[in-house]
Amino acid sequence: MPAKTGDQYISRLKKASNNIYLHGERVEDVTEHPGLKNVVKSMAKLYDLQFEKPEKMLYTSPTSGEKVGMTFLQPTSVDDLIKRREAIQEWARTSGGMLGRSPDYLNAEVMAMGMNNELFTEADPMFAENARKYYEFARENDISLTHTLIHPQVNRAKAQHQQKDANVALHLVEKKDDGIIVDGIRLLATQGGITDEILVFPSTVKKAGELDDPYSLAFAIPNNTPGLKYLSRESFDYGKSEWDHPLSSRFEEGDAIVSFENVFVPWERVFVCGNSSICNRTFRETNAVVHMAHQVVAKNIVKTEFLLGTALSMMDAIGIDQFQHVQDKGTEIMLTLETMKSHLYRAEHNAKLDKSGTMTPDFDALNAARNWYPRVYPRLVEILRVLGASGLMGTPTEADFAHEEIGPILNRGLQGKNLEGFERVQLFRLAWDMTMSAFGSRQMHYEYYFFGDPVRMGMTYFDQYEKDTYKQYVQDFLNQSVAKKPNVSKV
């Protein structure tokens, strides 16, 4: 089938009956469970939007001639890159960028992996063909994906093969004629259990050596594969109204530990099998990290716009927008937004065709943005908290305002400059859910670790940065000195 609707997305989840555990029990139907049903509805709206705005969200498949999702597009020009980015941001605006793992993130990954598949031939040409075919399969069937990258946090001072329980992490158990058997645990699948399939890939930052080859795997399987379990953390959707919890009641994606209990993976779904060298190079040499970063920066621009709009609305609501320190805080958010836009513009307009014919953004610009934003996002959240002050604490509920006796008191007592109390508190509850609720706290933590430990990422960024040009610039400047080097003899 081509691009799917929201109803089709929900129907697939019902039929799949993915093996997910939440709050100490197996979930019978993720589309009806109180902790999951609302985010499922939000995801369904993304798919419906494809048909509400087909000129922006769909394109004609090069193989089937059917209309497929624009976020799967293999861009071959800068205009294509921009078209795909506009579709990404159209989806992001439905949630204010709060759906961090919307389907477009991994759609970009499978496209890059499928088109730049030459790396996988080092082990076997079959793996390259698998990658190409999987991209086509995902695109033609509008497959939604979760993914898992990292091993359990048992002992970070040791490699996987050195762990006391070396079999706790996902590893290769057996190679068979028709596939492989894998067993163990992986972290941390966002939207685990509410998508069609899972991608298992290596870490983007933590490299492995040959002794870790049994843990070096990449494959994709349906989420209802026998032996596959999602063990979800507590849901931050507490069943409250959208007025009380405007974000967590709609966009609580969930994160899950993934358990593989002697799971069978057919060979046609395997991309890397027991090869740490290929795993270490997968994201960079397929350009997957570039296209994923393009999606993330585009999404984070929308997220920053949403945060800025909230901050400006709060300033206006309580008449603080003329204070110097308040304007300065607003300027911080504005500078962040414009800097991110500049990174994106440079990335798109300096894009180049790679060897597969895919128009690939300038990674230097995206790499700077993806390293910088996790460091600045906590500050943006802090600004909202400072602006809201006690107003983020004194936030009655929708039921309080509906109460015959106390509702009028609250409406008058909590009024803003140009807003009634009901409207002012509604705005401040949005800021609270963005920053101080369990959902908001998770958002800050999530952005901070989006691509991995920012310190480790920063070390990698520093190591890979081209430094000689700048050192030579200084040396050339010093060499212009008219003073002659003294003849200093050694004593």
Protein backbone atom coordinates (compact mmCIF):
# COMPACT_ATOMS: atom_id res chain seq x y z
CA MET A 1 0.00 0.00 0.00
CA PRO A 2 1.20 3.62 -0.55
CA ALA A 3 1.03 6.49 2.00
CA LYS A 4 -1.32 5.55 4.83
CA THR A 5 -4.04 7.45 6.65
CA GLY A 6 -4.43 7.82 10.39
CA ASP A 7 -7.12 5.15 10.45
CA GLN A 8 -4.81 2.75 8.64
CA TYR A 9 -2.03 3.48 11.13
CA ILE A 10 -4.36 2.68 14.03
CA SER A 11 -5.75 -0.40 12.30
CA ARG A 12 -2.23 -1.78 11.80
CA LEU A 13 -1.40 -1.33 15.48
CA LYS A 14 -4.58 -3.13 16.51
CA LYS A 15 -3.87 -6.00 14.17
CA ALA A 16 -0.19 -6.29 15.12
CA SER A 17 -0.86 -6.54 18.88
CA ASN A 18 2.72 -5.59 19.66
CA ASN A 19 4.18 -7.11 22.81
CA ILE A 20 4.44 -4.07 25.10
CA TYR A 21 4.36 -3.92 28.89
CA LEU A 22 3.34 -0.77 30.75
CA HIS A 23 2.63 -0.19 34.45
CA GLY A 24 3.25 -3.84 35.28
CA GLU A 25 0.92 -5.41 32.76
CA ARG A 26 0.85 -6.44 29.13
CA VAL A 27 -1.01 -3.93 26.98
CA GLU A 28 -3.80 -5.65 25.07
CA ASP A 29 -4.45 -2.77 22.66
CA VAL A 30 -2.10 0.21 22.46
CA THR A 31 -4.76 2.25 20.66
CA GLU A 32 -7.07 2.05 23.69
CA HIS A 33 -4.67 1.97 26.66
CA PRO A 34 -4.95 5.17 28.78
CA GLY A 35 -1.18 5.72 28.75
CA LEU A 36 -0.81 5.32 24.98
CA LYS A 37 -4.05 6.08 23.16
CA ASN A 38 -3.59 9.84 23.04
CA VAL A 39 -0.14 9.80 21.47
CA VAL A 40 -1.45 7.20 19.01
CA LYS A 41 -4.16 9.71 18.03
CA SER A 42 -1.50 12.41 17.60
CA MET A 43 0.53 10.12 15.38
CA ALA A 44 -2.58 9.31 13.38
CA LYS A 45 -3.06 13.04 12.73
CA LEU A 46 0.38 13.16 11.13
CA TYR A 47 -0.67 10.53 8.61
CA ASP A 48 -4.01 12.24 7.97
CA LEU A 49 -2.12 15.48 7.31
CA GLN A 50 -0.44 13.77 4.35
CA PHE A 51 -3.81 13.66 2.61
CA GLU A 52 -4.99 17.05 3.85
CA LYS A 53 -1.94 18.68 2.25
CA PRO A 54 -0.89 16.21 -0.47
CA GLU A 55 0.93 18.86 -2.52
CA LYS A 56 3.34 19.32 0.40
CA MET A 57 3.30 15.93 2.09
CA LEU A 58 3.22 13.40 -0.77
CA TYR A 59 5.15 12.65 -3.96
CA THR A 60 4.98 10.04 -6.71
CA SER A 61 6.99 6.88 -6.03
CA PRO A 62 9.72 6.24 -8.62
CA THR A 63 8.93 2.51 -8.58
CA SER A 64 5.18 2.06 -8.06
CA GLY A 65 3.81 5.37 -9.32
CA GLU A 66 1.75 5.59 -6.12
CA LYS A 67 1.68 8.60 -3.81
CA VAL A 68 4.12 8.09 -0.94
CA GLY A 69 5.26 10.18 2.02
CA MET A 70 7.46 13.18 1.21
CA THR A 71 9.63 12.48 4.25
CA PHE A 72 10.89 9.33 2.47
CA LEU A 73 12.07 11.38 -0.51
CA GLN A 74 15.56 10.80 -1.88
CA PRO A 75 16.49 14.42 -2.65
CA THR A 76 18.44 14.94 -5.87
CA SER A 77 18.46 18.75 -5.79
CA VAL A 78 18.47 21.58 -3.25
CA ASP A 79 14.81 22.17 -4.11
CA ASP A 80 14.11 18.55 -3.15
CA LEU A 81 15.89 19.04 0.16
CA ILE A 82 13.77 22.08 0.88
CA LYS A 83 10.56 20.26 -0.11
CA ARG A 84 11.39 17.41 2.25
CA ARG A 85 12.26 19.86 5.03
CA GLU A 86 8.99 21.72 4.58
CA ALA A 87 7.13 18.43 5.00
CA ILE A 88 9.18 17.70 8.14
CA GLN A 89 8.28 21.08 9.61
CA GLU A 90 4.62 20.69 8.66
CA TRP A 91 4.52 17.59 10.85
CA ALA A 92 6.53 19.29 13.62
CA ARG A 93 4.10 22.20 13.86
CA THR A 94 1.28 19.86 14.91
CA SER A 95 3.10 19.26 18.21
CA GLY A 96 5.28 22.34 18.58
CA GLY A 97 8.24 20.06 17.93
CA MET A 98 7.41 18.00 21.02
CA LEU A 99 7.12 14.70 19.12
CA GLY A 100 10.85 14.13 19.00
CA ARG A 101 10.66 10.78 17.25
CA SER A 102 7.99 11.50 14.66
CA PRO A 103 8.27 9.06 11.73
CA ASP A 104 10.29 11.40 9.51
CA TYR A 105 13.40 10.97 11.67
CA LEU A 106 13.89 7.32 10.71
CA ASN A 107 12.38 7.76 7.27
CA ALA A 108 15.44 9.90 6.53
CA GLU A 109 17.70 7.21 7.98
CA VAL A 110 16.37 4.32 5.89
CA MET A 111 16.51 6.49 2.76
CA ALA A 112 20.19 7.31 3.31
CA MET A 113 21.07 3.74 4.25
CA GLY A 114 19.17 2.36 1.28
CA MET A 115 20.76 4.67 -1.29
CA ASN A 116 24.31 4.70 0.15
CA ASN A 117 24.55 0.98 0.76
CA GLU A 118 28.01 0.28 -0.66
CA LEU A 119 29.57 0.03 2.83
CA PHE A 120 27.54 -3.08 3.58
CA THR A 121 29.09 -4.96 0.64
CA GLU A 122 32.36 -5.24 2.59
CA ALA A 123 30.81 -8.15 4.45
CA ASP A 124 28.46 -9.44 1.74
CA PRO A 125 26.74 -7.84 -1.29
CA MET A 126 23.50 -9.30 0.10
CA PHE A 127 23.54 -6.78 2.95
CA ALA A 128 23.72 -3.84 0.56
CA GLU A 129 20.80 -5.18 -1.43
CA ASN A 130 18.89 -5.72 1.82
CA ALA A 131 19.35 -2.04 2.71
CA ARG A 132 18.17 -0.89 -0.71
CA LYS A 133 15.12 -3.14 -0.65
CA TYR A 134 14.21 -2.16 2.89
CA TYR A 135 14.12 1.52 1.97
CA GLU A 136 11.79 0.70 -0.90
CA PHE A 137 9.63 -1.49 1.33
CA ALA A 138 9.38 1.16 4.06
CA ARG A 139 8.55 3.89 1.55
CA GLU A 140 5.98 1.91 -0.41
CA ASN A 141 4.20 0.73 2.76
CA ASP A 142 4.63 3.90 4.85
CA ILE A 143 6.28 1.89 7.62
CA SER A 144 6.57 3.65 10.97
CA LEU A 145 9.73 2.84 12.90
CA THR A 146 11.20 2.93 16.35
CA HIS A 147 14.89 2.21 16.88
CA THR A 148 17.42 1.21 19.49
CA LEU A 149 21.10 2.17 19.59
CA ILE A 150 22.64 1.56 22.98
CA HIS A 151 23.53 -1.27 25.35
CA PRO A 152 22.35 -1.40 28.99
CA GLN A 153 24.21 0.81 31.48
CA VAL A 154 25.86 -2.02 33.38
CA ASN A 155 29.50 -0.95 33.61
CA ARG A 156 30.44 1.90 31.31
CA ALA A 157 34.13 1.46 32.22
CA LYS A 158 34.24 -1.83 30.30
CA ALA A 159 33.54 -2.93 26.73
CA GLN A 160 30.64 -5.30 26.16
CA HIS A 161 32.79 -8.42 25.94
CA GLN A 162 34.36 -7.50 29.31
CA GLN A 163 31.09 -7.23 31.24
CA LYS A 164 30.48 -9.59 34.16
CA ASP A 165 27.30 -10.73 32.39
CA ALA A 166 28.49 -10.47 28.79
CA ASN A 167 25.20 -11.84 27.48
CA VAL A 168 22.95 -9.13 28.93
CA ALA A 169 23.45 -6.86 25.90
CA LEU A 170 21.90 -7.77 22.56
CA HIS A 171 24.25 -10.16 20.78
CA LEU A 172 24.47 -12.71 18.00
CA VAL A 173 23.63 -16.21 19.20
CA GLU A 174 23.62 -18.23 15.99
CA LYS A 175 23.82 -17.98 12.22
CA LYS A 176 21.40 -20.25 10.37
CA ASP A 177 20.69 -20.94 6.72
CA ASP A 178 17.66 -18.66 6.70
CA GLY A 179 18.69 -16.01 9.22
CA ILE A 180 20.20 -15.24 12.61
CA ILE A 181 19.20 -15.68 16.24
CA VAL A 182 19.78 -12.73 18.57
CA ASP A 183 19.31 -12.39 22.31
CA GLY A 184 19.71 -9.70 24.97
CA ILE A 185 18.67 -6.19 25.94
CA ARG A 186 18.87 -2.84 24.14
CA LEU A 187 17.98 0.73 25.18
CA LEU A 188 16.00 3.02 24.65
CA ALA A 189 13.25 2.75 22.06
CA THR A 190 11.17 5.92 21.92
CA GLN A 191 7.68 5.13 20.61
CA GLY A 192 8.46 1.45 21.21
CA GLY A 193 5.33 -0.58 20.58
CA ILE A 194 3.33 2.14 18.78
CA THR A 195 5.11 1.74 15.44
CA ASP A 196 5.20 -0.99 12.82
CA GLU A 197 8.83 -2.06 13.09
CA ILE A 198 12.11 -1.56 14.93
CA LEU A 199 15.52 -0.68 13.52
CA VAL A 200 18.46 -2.01 15.49
CA PHE A 201 21.63 -0.02 14.85
CA PRO A 202 24.97 0.74 16.49
CA SER A 203 25.59 3.79 18.63
CA THR A 204 26.30 7.02 16.79
CA VAL A 205 29.14 7.93 19.16
CA LYS A 206 30.42 4.84 21.04
CA LYS A 207 32.81 2.82 18.90
CA ALA A 208 33.41 -0.93 19.23
CA GLY A 209 36.44 -3.16 18.63
CA GLU A 210 36.76 -6.61 17.09
CA LEU A 211 36.13 -8.37 20.40
CA ASP A 212 32.72 -6.74 20.39
CA ASP A 213 31.80 -8.17 16.98
CA PRO A 214 29.03 -10.38 18.45
CA TYR A 215 27.28 -7.18 19.59
CA SER A 216 27.78 -5.40 16.26
CA LEU A 217 24.42 -5.81 14.55
CA ALA A 218 22.02 -3.91 12.34
CA PHE A 219 18.63 -5.23 11.25
CA ALA A 220 14.92 -4.41 11.04
CA ILE A 221 12.00 -6.57 12.14
CA PRO A 222 8.25 -6.15 12.81
CA ASN A 223 7.37 -5.14 16.35
CA ASN A 224 5.22 -8.24 16.83
CA THR A 225 8.08 -10.63 16.09
CA PRO A 226 8.00 -13.58 18.54
CA GLY A 227 10.39 -13.06 21.45
CA LEU A 228 10.46 -9.27 21.09
CA LYS A 229 9.19 -7.34 24.12
CA TYR A 230 8.91 -3.62 24.88
CA LEU A 231 9.20 -2.81 28.58
CA SER A 232 7.97 0.76 28.75
CA ARG A 233 8.74 3.33 31.43
CA GLU A 234 5.92 4.99 33.35
CA SER A 235 3.60 6.98 31.11
CA PHE A 236 3.54 10.73 31.73
CA ASP A 237 0.06 10.93 30.26
CA TYR A 238 -1.94 10.89 33.48
CA GLY A 239 -5.34 10.92 31.82
CA LYS A 240 -5.85 14.63 32.44
CA SER A 241 -7.61 16.98 30.07
CA GLU A 242 -5.83 18.76 27.24
CA TRP A 243 -6.49 22.04 29.09
CA ASP A 244 -4.71 20.82 32.24
CA HIS A 245 -1.88 18.98 30.45
CA PRO A 246 -1.80 20.46 26.93
CA LEU A 247 1.36 18.59 25.85
CA SER A 248 1.58 15.41 27.91
CA SER A 249 -2.05 14.56 27.15
CA ARG A 250 -1.24 14.42 23.43
CA PHE A 251 2.46 13.92 22.75
CA GLU A 252 3.79 11.55 25.45
CA GLU A 253 5.82 9.24 23.20
CA GLY A 254 7.11 6.85 25.83
CA ASP A 255 10.52 5.19 25.98
CA ALA A 256 11.04 1.45 26.31
CA ILE A 257 13.69 -1.10 27.15
CA VAL A 258 13.75 -3.69 24.37
CA SER A 259 14.12 -7.37 25.20
CA PHE A 260 15.11 -9.87 22.52
CA GLU A 261 14.57 -13.46 23.67
CA ASN A 262 16.20 -15.68 21.05
CA VAL A 263 14.57 -13.65 18.29
CA PHE A 264 14.84 -14.91 14.73
CA VAL A 265 15.80 -12.33 12.07
CA PRO A 266 15.61 -13.48 8.43
CA TRP A 267 18.70 -12.76 6.33
CA GLU A 268 16.81 -10.35 4.06
CA ARG A 269 16.29 -8.07 7.09
CA VAL A 270 19.97 -8.05 8.18
CA PHE A 271 22.32 -5.18 7.23
CA VAL A 272 25.30 -5.82 9.53
CA CYS A 273 26.13 -9.11 11.20
CA GLY A 274 29.04 -9.33 13.62
CA ASN A 275 31.25 -6.65 12.09
CA SER A 276 32.31 -3.83 14.42
CA SER A 277 34.25 -2.02 11.70
CA ILE A 278 31.16 -1.62 9.52
CA CYS A 279 29.00 -0.71 12.52
CA ASN A 280 31.43 2.03 13.53
CA ARG A 281 31.20 3.61 10.08
CA THR A 282 27.54 3.01 9.23
CA PHE A 283 26.00 6.35 10.12
CA ARG A 284 28.76 8.50 8.64
CA GLU A 285 29.58 6.56 5.47
CA THR A 286 25.93 6.09 4.47
CA ASN A 287 25.29 9.79 5.24
CA ALA A 288 22.45 8.65 7.49
CA VAL A 289 23.63 10.91 10.30
CA VAL A 290 23.58 13.88 7.91
CA HIS A 291 19.97 13.36 6.83
CA MET A 292 18.85 12.52 10.37
CA ALA A 293 20.53 15.70 11.62
CA HIS A 294 18.75 17.66 8.87
CA GLN A 295 15.42 16.41 10.20
CA VAL A 296 16.40 17.19 13.79
CA VAL A 297 17.53 20.75 13.08
CA ALA A 298 14.35 21.41 11.07
CA LYS A 299 12.25 20.04 13.94
CA ASN A 300 14.17 22.00 16.57
CA ILE A 301 13.61 25.25 14.70
CA VAL A 302 9.87 24.66 15.03
CA LYS A 303 10.34 23.73 18.69
CA THR A 304 12.22 26.97 19.32
CA GLU A 305 9.53 28.97 17.49
CA PHE A 306 6.92 27.36 19.74
CA LEU A 307 8.96 28.11 22.84
CA LEU A 308 9.52 31.71 21.75
CA GLY A 309 5.83 32.20 21.08
CA THR A 310 5.05 30.88 24.56
CA ALA A 311 7.61 33.20 26.16
CA LEU A 312 6.32 36.27 24.30
CA SER A 313 2.73 35.41 25.17
CA MET A 314 3.65 35.10 28.86
CA MET A 315 5.43 38.45 28.79
CA ASP A 316 2.39 40.11 27.28
CA ALA A 317 -0.06 38.30 29.55
CA ILE A 318 1.34 39.77 32.76
CA GLY A 319 2.81 43.01 31.41
CA ILE A 320 6.50 42.30 31.90
CA ASP A 321 7.65 42.81 28.31
CA GLN A 322 9.02 46.31 28.97
CA PHE A 323 11.51 45.23 31.63
CA GLN A 324 15.14 45.18 30.53
CA HIS A 325 16.02 41.73 31.90
CA VAL A 326 12.84 40.26 30.40
CA GLN A 327 13.62 41.61 26.94
CA ASP A 328 17.16 40.27 27.28
CA LYS A 329 15.82 36.79 27.97
CA GLY A 330 13.53 37.05 24.97
CA THR A 331 16.54 38.06 22.91
CA GLU A 332 18.35 34.87 23.98
CA ILE A 333 15.55 32.75 22.54
CA MET A 334 15.43 34.85 19.37
CA LEU A 335 19.19 34.53 18.87
CA THR A 336 18.92 30.78 19.30
CA LEU A 337 16.16 30.61 16.71
CA GLU A 338 17.97 32.73 14.16
CA THR A 339 21.23 30.84 14.66
CA MET A 340 19.48 27.53 14.06
CA LYS A 341 17.84 28.95 10.93
CA SER A 342 21.25 30.07 9.68
CA HIS A 343 22.74 26.63 10.24
CA LEU A 344 19.84 25.09 8.30
CA TYR A 345 20.14 27.59 5.44
CA ARG A 346 23.85 26.90 5.10
CA ALA A 347 23.29 23.15 5.29
CA GLU A 348 20.73 23.21 2.48
CA HIS A 349 22.34 25.74 0.17
CA ASN A 350 25.82 24.22 0.47
CA ALA A 351 24.46 20.73 -0.18
CA LYS A 352 26.24 18.46 -2.67
CA LEU A 353 25.39 15.30 -4.54
CA ASP A 354 26.98 12.22 -3.01
CA LYS A 355 28.11 9.18 -4.98
CA SER A 356 24.60 7.69 -4.90
CA GLY A 357 23.14 10.82 -6.51
CA THR A 358 21.52 11.95 -3.26
CA MET A 359 21.62 15.67 -2.51
CA THR A 360 23.25 15.71 0.91
CA PRO A 361 23.25 18.75 3.21
CA ASP A 362 26.47 20.37 4.43
CA PHE A 363 27.26 18.32 7.52
CA ASP A 364 29.56 20.93 9.04
CA ALA A 365 26.57 23.23 9.55
CA LEU A 366 24.32 20.46 10.85
CA ASN A 367 27.03 19.03 13.08
CA ALA A 368 27.55 22.41 14.73
CA ALA A 369 23.80 22.78 15.26
CA ARG A 370 23.30 19.29 16.69
CA ASN A 371 26.21 19.79 19.10
CA TRP A 372 25.08 23.25 20.17
CA TYR A 373 21.32 22.86 20.63
CA PRO A 374 21.48 20.25 23.44
CA ARG A 375 23.69 22.68 25.37
CA VAL A 376 21.38 25.66 24.92
CA TYR A 377 17.94 24.00 25.22
CA PRO A 378 18.12 23.72 29.05
CA ARG A 379 18.72 27.47 29.11
CA LEU A 380 15.62 28.10 26.99
CA VAL A 381 13.58 26.03 29.42
CA GLU A 382 15.07 27.97 32.32
CA ILE A 383 14.04 31.26 30.71
CA LEU A 384 10.40 30.13 30.56
CA ARG A 385 10.55 29.12 34.22
CA VAL A 386 12.07 32.45 35.26
CA LEU A 387 9.49 34.41 33.26
CA GLY A 388 6.61 32.41 34.72
CA ALA A 389 7.92 32.61 38.30
CA SER A 390 5.16 31.87 40.84
CA GLY A 391 2.64 31.86 38.02
CA LEU A 392 3.84 28.37 37.12
CA MET A 393 3.06 27.17 40.64
CA GLY A 394 -0.37 28.72 41.17
CA THR A 395 -2.16 26.99 38.31
CA PRO A 396 -5.68 25.76 39.12
CA THR A 397 -7.24 23.09 36.96
CA GLU A 398 -9.99 23.22 34.40
CA ALA A 399 -12.33 21.70 36.99
CA ASP A 400 -11.56 24.53 39.41
CA PHE A 401 -12.64 27.13 36.87
CA ALA A 402 -15.78 25.14 36.11
CA HIS A 403 -16.80 25.12 39.80
CA GLU A 404 -19.82 27.33 40.39
CA GLU A 405 -18.47 28.92 43.57
CA ILE A 406 -14.69 29.21 43.13
CA GLY A 407 -14.56 29.52 39.35
CA PRO A 408 -15.51 33.23 39.26
CA ILE A 409 -13.03 33.96 42.09
CA LEU A 410 -10.18 32.35 40.17
CA ASN A 411 -11.17 33.97 36.90
CA ARG A 412 -10.95 37.39 38.53
CA GLY A 413 -8.01 36.80 40.87
CA LEU A 414 -5.73 35.24 38.22
CA GLN A 415 -6.50 37.63 35.38
CA GLY A 416 -3.65 39.00 33.26
CA LYS A 417 -3.06 42.34 31.60
CA ASN A 418 -5.48 41.63 28.77
CA LEU A 419 -6.68 38.13 29.67
CA GLU A 420 -9.25 36.66 31.99
CA GLY A 421 -7.96 34.25 34.60
CA PHE A 422 -9.13 31.21 32.65
CA GLU A 423 -7.11 32.24 29.57
CA ARG A 424 -4.04 33.34 31.52
CA VAL A 425 -3.84 30.09 33.49
CA GLN A 426 -4.33 28.06 30.31
CA LEU A 427 -1.26 29.74 28.82
CA PHE A 428 0.77 29.23 31.97
CA ARG A 429 -0.21 25.57 32.15
CA LEU A 430 1.24 25.19 28.66
CA ALA A 431 4.52 26.72 29.87
CA TRP A 432 4.43 24.46 32.94
CA ASP A 433 3.90 21.34 30.84
CA MET A 434 6.75 22.45 28.59
CA THR A 435 9.19 22.91 31.46
CA MET A 436 8.23 21.62 34.92
CA SER A 437 5.91 18.64 34.53
CA ALA A 438 7.25 15.11 34.16
CA PHE A 439 6.70 15.53 30.42
CA GLY A 440 8.61 18.84 30.33
CA SER A 441 11.49 17.48 32.40
CA ARG A 442 11.76 14.50 30.10
CA GLN A 443 11.81 16.84 27.07
CA MET A 444 14.81 18.72 28.48
CA HIS A 445 16.65 15.50 29.33
CA TYR A 446 15.74 14.06 25.92
CA GLU A 447 17.08 17.05 23.99
CA TYR A 448 20.27 17.09 26.05
CA TYR A 449 21.05 13.46 25.18
CA PHE A 450 19.40 13.40 21.75
CA PHE A 451 22.47 12.24 19.81
CA GLY A 452 24.36 10.93 22.84
CA ASP A 453 26.40 12.37 25.69
CA PRO A 454 27.09 16.01 24.70
CA VAL A 455 30.57 15.86 26.27
CA ARG A 456 31.52 12.77 24.29
CA MET A 457 30.01 14.34 21.18
CA GLY A 458 31.99 17.50 21.86
CA MET A 459 35.21 15.51 22.13
CA THR A 460 34.48 13.85 18.80
CA TYR A 461 33.64 17.23 17.28
CA PHE A 462 36.92 18.69 18.56
CA ASP A 463 38.98 15.73 17.33
CA GLN A 464 37.46 15.83 13.84
CA TYR A 465 37.49 19.60 13.42
CA GLU A 466 40.00 20.86 10.84
CA LYS A 467 42.49 22.79 12.99
CA ASP A 468 45.65 23.19 10.89
CA THR A 469 44.25 26.06 8.81
CA TYR A 470 43.72 28.20 11.89
CA LYS A 471 47.05 27.36 13.48
CA GLN A 472 48.80 28.15 10.21
CA TYR A 473 46.99 31.50 10.03
CA VAL A 474 48.51 32.49 13.38
CA GLN A 475 51.93 31.18 12.40
CA ASP A 476 51.87 33.13 9.15
CA PHE A 477 50.95 36.26 11.08
CA LEU A 478 53.84 35.76 13.49
CA ASN A 479 56.22 35.10 10.61
CA GLN A 480 55.46 38.58 9.22
CA SER A 481 57.28 40.13 12.16
CA VAL A 482 60.18 42.37 11.09
CA ALA A 483 62.23 41.29 14.07
CA LYS A 484 64.83 38.68 13.30
CA LYS A 485 64.99 35.49 15.24
CA PRO A 486 67.91 35.74 17.67
CA ASN A 487 70.75 33.30 17.45
CA VAL A 488 70.34 31.58 20.77
CA SER A 489 72.99 29.00 21.44
CA LYS A 490 72.44 26.14 23.78
CA VAL A 491 74.32 26.24 27.04
